[in-house]
Amino acid sequence: MDRKTGKFQWLALLGVLAGFLVFAVSPVNAQQPTPSDDDVNRVARQMYCPVCENIPLDVCPTQACAQWRELIRLKLSEGLTDEEIRQYFAEQYGDRVLDVPPARGLNWLVYVLPPVFILGGVWLVVRVFRSMQRSPATIGGDSAESPPTPSAADDPYLARIEEELRRREREGI
């Protein structure tokens, strides 16, 4: 065996070993660890039960939720992210299963209307307080005059009261 052939054989053997190590140890061939219950509950906490009203998926005792949690475990073991799993369930069952609805369609009203109502309420309260702080002279207008008093000739009831008061004065009552 000459030196060139011996070196070639060693290099070929070294190449085969390196290739074996690359394929044997690569992450593609490595077995994914089974997700823990904490991992599953982290994702399930962000969704609601499709059967029960307003019960988070991580605490719901129904059989449907148990199956969903197992499906989440499977999706996590396949390497999907939390957001990809949430998106999968939203596509299958609708946005109602998500804890935070996406801001699309009519769902954007959930994000816009509360601040609008709060600002409108603050504006209304400020206007009411400002109107309460005005002096009585400025309520009727800009003039500083007192409002006109009705005369007895204009109001028959007022005329009767004044007549009764004059009568009592004369009689000394």
C-alpha atoms as a PDB file:
ATOM      1  CA  MET A   1       0.000   0.000   0.000  1.00  0.00           C
ATOM      2  CA  ASP A   2       1.537   3.293  -0.966  1.00  0.00           C
ATOM      3  CA  ARG A   3       1.274   6.494   0.990  1.00  0.00           C
ATOM      4  CA  LYS A   4      -1.269   8.201  -1.273  1.00  0.00           C
ATOM      5  CA  THR A   5      -3.710   5.325  -1.093  1.00  0.00           C
ATOM      6  CA  GLY A   6      -3.339   5.112   2.706  1.00  0.00           C
ATOM      7  CA  LYS A   7      -4.021   8.839   3.122  1.00  0.00           C
ATOM      8  CA  PHE A   8      -7.012   8.605   0.822  1.00  0.00           C
ATOM      9  CA  GLN A   9      -8.471   5.730   2.821  1.00  0.00           C
ATOM     10  CA  TRP A  10      -7.999   7.623   6.087  1.00  0.00           C
ATOM     11  CA  LEU A  11      -9.630  10.724   4.649  1.00  0.00           C
ATOM     12  CA  ALA A  12     -12.529   8.655   3.290  1.00  0.00           C
ATOM     13  CA  LEU A  13     -13.009   6.963   6.666  1.00  0.00           C
ATOM     14  CA  LEU A  14     -12.836  10.325   8.415  1.00  0.00           C
ATOM     15  CA  GLY A  15     -15.440  11.759   5.965  1.00  0.00           C
ATOM     16  CA  VAL A  16     -17.785   8.817   6.553  1.00  0.00           C
ATOM     17  CA  LEU A  17     -17.489   9.230  10.325  1.00  0.00           C
ATOM     18  CA  ALA A  18     -18.101  12.990  10.089  1.00  0.00           C
ATOM     19  CA  GLY A  19     -21.170  12.415   7.916  1.00  0.00           C
ATOM     20  CA  PHE A  20     -22.474   9.824  10.350  1.00  0.00           C
ATOM     21  CA  LEU A  21     -22.019  12.220  13.274  1.00  0.00           C
ATOM     22  CA  VAL A  22     -23.775  15.051  11.423  1.00  0.00           C
ATOM     23  CA  PHE A  23     -26.830  12.939  10.615  1.00  0.00           C
ATOM     24  CA  ALA A  24     -26.929  11.003  13.865  1.00  0.00           C
ATOM     25  CA  VAL A  25     -26.691  14.043  16.129  1.00  0.00           C
ATOM     26  CA  SER A  26     -28.637  16.566  14.054  1.00  0.00           C
ATOM     27  CA  PRO A  27     -31.669  18.229  15.723  1.00  0.00           C
ATOM     28  CA  VAL A  28     -33.931  16.841  13.006  1.00  0.00           C
ATOM     29  CA  ASN A  29     -33.266  13.300  14.151  1.00  0.00           C
ATOM     30  CA  ALA A  30     -33.201  14.189  17.844  1.00  0.00           C
ATOM     31  CA  GLN A  31     -36.355  13.203  19.664  1.00  0.00           C
ATOM     32  CA  GLN A  32     -38.415  16.187  20.811  1.00  0.00           C
ATOM     33  CA  PRO A  33     -38.970  16.244  24.584  1.00  0.00           C
ATOM     34  CA  THR A  34     -42.550  15.759  25.709  1.00  0.00           C
ATOM     35  CA  PRO A  35     -44.004  19.123  26.773  1.00  0.00           C
ATOM     36  CA  SER A  36     -44.739  19.443  30.471  1.00  0.00           C
ATOM     37  CA  ASP A  37     -48.146  20.228  31.930  1.00  0.00           C
ATOM     38  CA  ASP A  38     -46.873  23.749  32.637  1.00  0.00           C
ATOM     39  CA  ASP A  39     -46.104  24.233  28.930  1.00  0.00           C
ATOM     40  CA  VAL A  40     -49.555  22.969  27.954  1.00  0.00           C
ATOM     41  CA  ASN A  41     -51.285  25.134  30.583  1.00  0.00           C
ATOM     42  CA  ARG A  42     -49.298  28.200  29.485  1.00  0.00           C
ATOM     43  CA  VAL A  43     -50.953  27.911  26.062  1.00  0.00           C
ATOM     44  CA  ALA A  44     -54.334  26.685  27.356  1.00  0.00           C
ATOM     45  CA  ARG A  45     -54.566  29.672  29.731  1.00  0.00           C
ATOM     46  CA  GLN A  46     -54.750  31.927  26.669  1.00  0.00           C
ATOM     47  CA  MET A  47     -57.882  30.222  25.322  1.00  0.00           C
ATOM     48  CA  TYR A  48     -61.453  29.532  26.446  1.00  0.00           C
ATOM     49  CA  CYS A  49     -63.486  26.345  26.450  1.00  0.00           C
ATOM     50  CA  PRO A  50     -65.579  25.920  23.275  1.00  0.00           C
ATOM     51  CA  VAL A  51     -68.403  24.270  25.260  1.00  0.00           C
ATOM     52  CA  CYS A  52     -68.570  26.268  28.522  1.00  0.00           C
ATOM     53  CA  GLU A  53     -69.008  30.037  28.785  1.00  0.00           C
ATOM     54  CA  ASN A  54     -66.046  32.082  30.082  1.00  0.00           C
ATOM     55  CA  ILE A  55     -64.024  29.178  31.498  1.00  0.00           C
ATOM     56  CA  PRO A  56     -60.323  29.101  30.592  1.00  0.00           C
ATOM     57  CA  LEU A  57     -59.205  25.968  28.826  1.00  0.00           C
ATOM     58  CA  ASP A  58     -56.557  25.125  31.430  1.00  0.00           C
ATOM     59  CA  VAL A  59     -59.128  24.675  34.247  1.00  0.00           C
ATOM     60  CA  CYS A  60     -62.178  23.374  32.387  1.00  0.00           C
ATOM     61  CA  PRO A  61     -63.100  19.802  33.435  1.00  0.00           C
ATOM     62  CA  THR A  62     -64.986  18.816  30.245  1.00  0.00           C
ATOM     63  CA  GLN A  63     -63.834  15.999  27.981  1.00  0.00           C
ATOM     64  CA  ALA A  64     -63.580  18.407  25.030  1.00  0.00           C
ATOM     65  CA  CYS A  65     -61.055  20.540  26.928  1.00  0.00           C
ATOM     66  CA  ALA A  66     -59.027  17.496  27.934  1.00  0.00           C
ATOM     67  CA  GLN A  67     -58.815  16.577  24.252  1.00  0.00           C
ATOM     68  CA  TRP A  68     -57.822  20.123  23.374  1.00  0.00           C
ATOM     69  CA  ARG A  69     -55.044  20.076  25.980  1.00  0.00           C
ATOM     70  CA  GLU A  70     -53.729  16.826  24.507  1.00  0.00           C
ATOM     71  CA  LEU A  71     -53.832  18.405  21.051  1.00  0.00           C
ATOM     72  CA  ILE A  72     -51.867  21.357  22.436  1.00  0.00           C
ATOM     73  CA  ARG A  73     -49.329  18.912  23.879  1.00  0.00           C
ATOM     74  CA  LEU A  74     -49.026  17.255  20.448  1.00  0.00           C
ATOM     75  CA  LYS A  75     -48.612  20.595  18.663  1.00  0.00           C
ATOM     76  CA  LEU A  76     -45.948  21.689  21.171  1.00  0.00           C
ATOM     77  CA  SER A  77     -44.055  18.440  20.657  1.00  0.00           C
ATOM     78  CA  GLU A  78     -44.177  19.085  16.896  1.00  0.00           C
ATOM     79  CA  GLY A  79     -42.374  22.364  17.574  1.00  0.00           C
ATOM     80  CA  LEU A  80     -45.192  24.868  17.010  1.00  0.00           C
ATOM     81  CA  THR A  81     -45.041  28.144  18.927  1.00  0.00           C
ATOM     82  CA  ASP A  82     -47.742  29.366  21.301  1.00  0.00           C
ATOM     83  CA  GLU A  83     -48.999  31.860  18.726  1.00  0.00           C
ATOM     84  CA  GLU A  84     -49.152  29.236  15.975  1.00  0.00           C
ATOM     85  CA  ILE A  85     -51.221  26.973  18.236  1.00  0.00           C
ATOM     86  CA  ARG A  86     -53.564  29.827  19.131  1.00  0.00           C
ATOM     87  CA  GLN A  87     -53.932  30.627  15.437  1.00  0.00           C
ATOM     88  CA  TYR A  88     -54.710  26.972  14.660  1.00  0.00           C
ATOM     89  CA  PHE A  89     -57.531  26.882  17.232  1.00  0.00           C
ATOM     90  CA  ALA A  90     -58.870  30.264  16.072  1.00  0.00           C
ATOM     91  CA  GLU A  91     -59.033  28.964  12.497  1.00  0.00           C
ATOM     92  CA  GLN A  92     -60.803  25.787  13.612  1.00  0.00           C
ATOM     93  CA  TYR A  93     -63.279  27.230  16.153  1.00  0.00           C
ATOM     94  CA  GLY A  94     -63.341  30.992  15.604  1.00  0.00           C
ATOM     95  CA  ASP A  95     -61.940  33.956  17.499  1.00  0.00           C
ATOM     96  CA  ARG A  96     -64.306  33.352  20.424  1.00  0.00           C
ATOM     97  CA  VAL A  97     -61.889  30.740  21.846  1.00  0.00           C
ATOM     98  CA  LEU A  98     -59.079  33.311  22.245  1.00  0.00           C
ATOM     99  CA  ASP A  99     -58.668  35.282  25.451  1.00  0.00           C
ATOM    100  CA  VAL A 100     -57.748  38.437  23.531  1.00  0.00           C
ATOM    101  CA  PRO A 101     -59.676  38.864  20.280  1.00  0.00           C
ATOM    102  CA  PRO A 102     -57.616  40.092  17.339  1.00  0.00           C
ATOM    103  CA  ALA A 103     -58.246  43.679  16.235  1.00  0.00           C
ATOM    104  CA  ARG A 104     -59.894  42.883  12.913  1.00  0.00           C
ATOM    105  CA  GLY A 105     -63.461  43.013  11.651  1.00  0.00           C
ATOM    106  CA  LEU A 106     -65.864  44.292  14.304  1.00  0.00           C
ATOM    107  CA  ASN A 107     -63.461  43.243  17.082  1.00  0.00           C
ATOM    108  CA  TRP A 108     -61.616  46.560  16.735  1.00  0.00           C
ATOM    109  CA  LEU A 109     -64.599  48.199  18.453  1.00  0.00           C
ATOM    110  CA  VAL A 110     -63.539  46.448  21.676  1.00  0.00           C
ATOM    111  CA  TYR A 111     -60.319  48.458  21.560  1.00  0.00           C
ATOM    112  CA  VAL A 112     -61.722  51.788  20.324  1.00  0.00           C
ATOM    113  CA  LEU A 113     -65.059  52.307  22.108  1.00  0.00           C
ATOM    114  CA  PRO A 114     -63.961  52.221  25.788  1.00  0.00           C
ATOM    115  CA  PRO A 115     -61.471  55.103  25.421  1.00  0.00           C
ATOM    116  CA  VAL A 116     -64.054  57.068  23.392  1.00  0.00           C
ATOM    117  CA  PHE A 117     -66.683  56.599  26.127  1.00  0.00           C
ATOM    118  CA  ILE A 118     -64.203  57.553  28.851  1.00  0.00           C
ATOM    119  CA  LEU A 119     -63.154  60.726  27.033  1.00  0.00           C
ATOM    120  CA  GLY A 120     -66.813  61.612  26.376  1.00  0.00           C
ATOM    121  CA  GLY A 121     -67.646  61.122  30.059  1.00  0.00           C
ATOM    122  CA  VAL A 122     -64.739  63.317  31.173  1.00  0.00           C
ATOM    123  CA  TRP A 123     -65.819  66.019  28.711  1.00  0.00           C
ATOM    124  CA  LEU A 124     -69.403  65.859  30.022  1.00  0.00           C
ATOM    125  CA  VAL A 125     -68.318  66.078  33.677  1.00  0.00           C
ATOM    126  CA  VAL A 126     -66.073  69.075  32.935  1.00  0.00           C
ATOM    127  CA  ARG A 127     -68.949  70.870  31.171  1.00  0.00           C
ATOM    128  CA  VAL A 128     -71.331  70.212  34.062  1.00  0.00           C
ATOM    129  CA  PHE A 129     -68.833  71.488  36.641  1.00  0.00           C
ATOM    130  CA  ARG A 130     -68.120  74.595  34.580  1.00  0.00           C
ATOM    131  CA  SER A 131     -71.819  75.367  34.261  1.00  0.00           C
ATOM    132  CA  MET A 132     -72.258  74.908  38.025  1.00  0.00           C
ATOM    133  CA  GLN A 133     -69.446  77.381  38.773  1.00  0.00           C
ATOM    134  CA  ARG A 134     -70.948  80.222  36.709  1.00  0.00           C
ATOM    135  CA  SER A 135     -72.491  83.084  38.632  1.00  0.00           C
ATOM    136  CA  PRO A 136     -76.262  83.541  38.360  1.00  0.00           C
ATOM    137  CA  ALA A 137     -75.748  86.772  36.391  1.00  0.00           C
ATOM    138  CA  THR A 138     -73.846  84.990  33.606  1.00  0.00           C
ATOM    139  CA  ILE A 139     -76.283  82.107  33.314  1.00  0.00           C
ATOM    140  CA  GLY A 140     -78.987  84.252  31.709  1.00  0.00           C
ATOM    141  CA  GLY A 141     -76.582  86.072  29.436  1.00  0.00           C
ATOM    142  CA  ASP A 142     -73.598  88.389  29.434  1.00  0.00           C
ATOM    143  CA  SER A 143     -75.362  91.375  31.005  1.00  0.00           C
ATOM    144  CA  ALA A 144     -74.898  92.141  34.683  1.00  0.00           C
ATOM    145  CA  GLU A 145     -78.536  93.154  35.143  1.00  0.00           C
ATOM    146  CA  SER A 146     -80.795  91.231  37.452  1.00  0.00           C
ATOM    147  CA  PRO A 147     -83.636  89.373  35.795  1.00  0.00           C
ATOM    148  CA  PRO A 148     -86.875  91.369  35.502  1.00  0.00           C
ATOM    149  CA  THR A 149     -89.380  90.830  38.310  1.00  0.00           C
ATOM    150  CA  PRO A 150     -92.956  90.151  37.332  1.00  0.00           C
ATOM    151  CA  SER A 151     -95.435  92.859  38.241  1.00  0.00           C
ATOM    152  CA  ALA A 152     -98.768  92.301  39.958  1.00  0.00           C
ATOM    153  CA  ALA A 153    -100.566  93.436  36.822  1.00  0.00           C
ATOM    154  CA  ASP A 154     -98.992  90.627  34.816  1.00  0.00           C
ATOM    155  CA  ASP A 155     -99.830  87.826  37.241  1.00  0.00           C
ATOM    156  CA  PRO A 156    -103.303  87.472  38.807  1.00  0.00           C
ATOM    157  CA  TYR A 157    -102.042  85.273  41.623  1.00  0.00           C
ATOM    158  CA  LEU A 158     -99.364  87.772  42.542  1.00  0.00           C
ATOM    159  CA  ALA A 159    -102.001  90.523  42.517  1.00  0.00           C
ATOM    160  CA  ARG A 160    -104.174  88.533  44.966  1.00  0.00           C
ATOM    161  CA  ILE A 161    -101.222  87.963  47.317  1.00  0.00           C
ATOM    162  CA  GLU A 162    -100.302  91.653  47.337  1.00  0.00           C
ATOM    163  CA  GLU A 163    -103.926  92.608  47.950  1.00  0.00           C
ATOM    164  CA  GLU A 164    -104.107  90.141  50.875  1.00  0.00           C
ATOM    165  CA  LEU A 165    -100.886  91.555  52.349  1.00  0.00           C
ATOM    166  CA  ARG A 166    -102.201  95.130  52.115  1.00  0.00           C
ATOM    167  CA  ARG A 167    -105.475  94.098  53.792  1.00  0.00           C
ATOM    168  CA  ARG A 168    -103.605  92.451  56.677  1.00  0.00           C
ATOM    169  CA  GLU A 169    -101.442  95.527  57.125  1.00  0.00           C
ATOM    170  CA  ARG A 170    -104.520  97.740  57.423  1.00  0.00           C
ATOM    171  CA  GLU A 171    -106.169  95.403  59.897  1.00  0.00           C
ATOM    172  CA  GLY A 172    -102.963  94.988  61.893  1.00  0.00           C
ATOM    173  CA  ILE A 173    -102.841  91.262  61.691  1.00  0.00           C
END
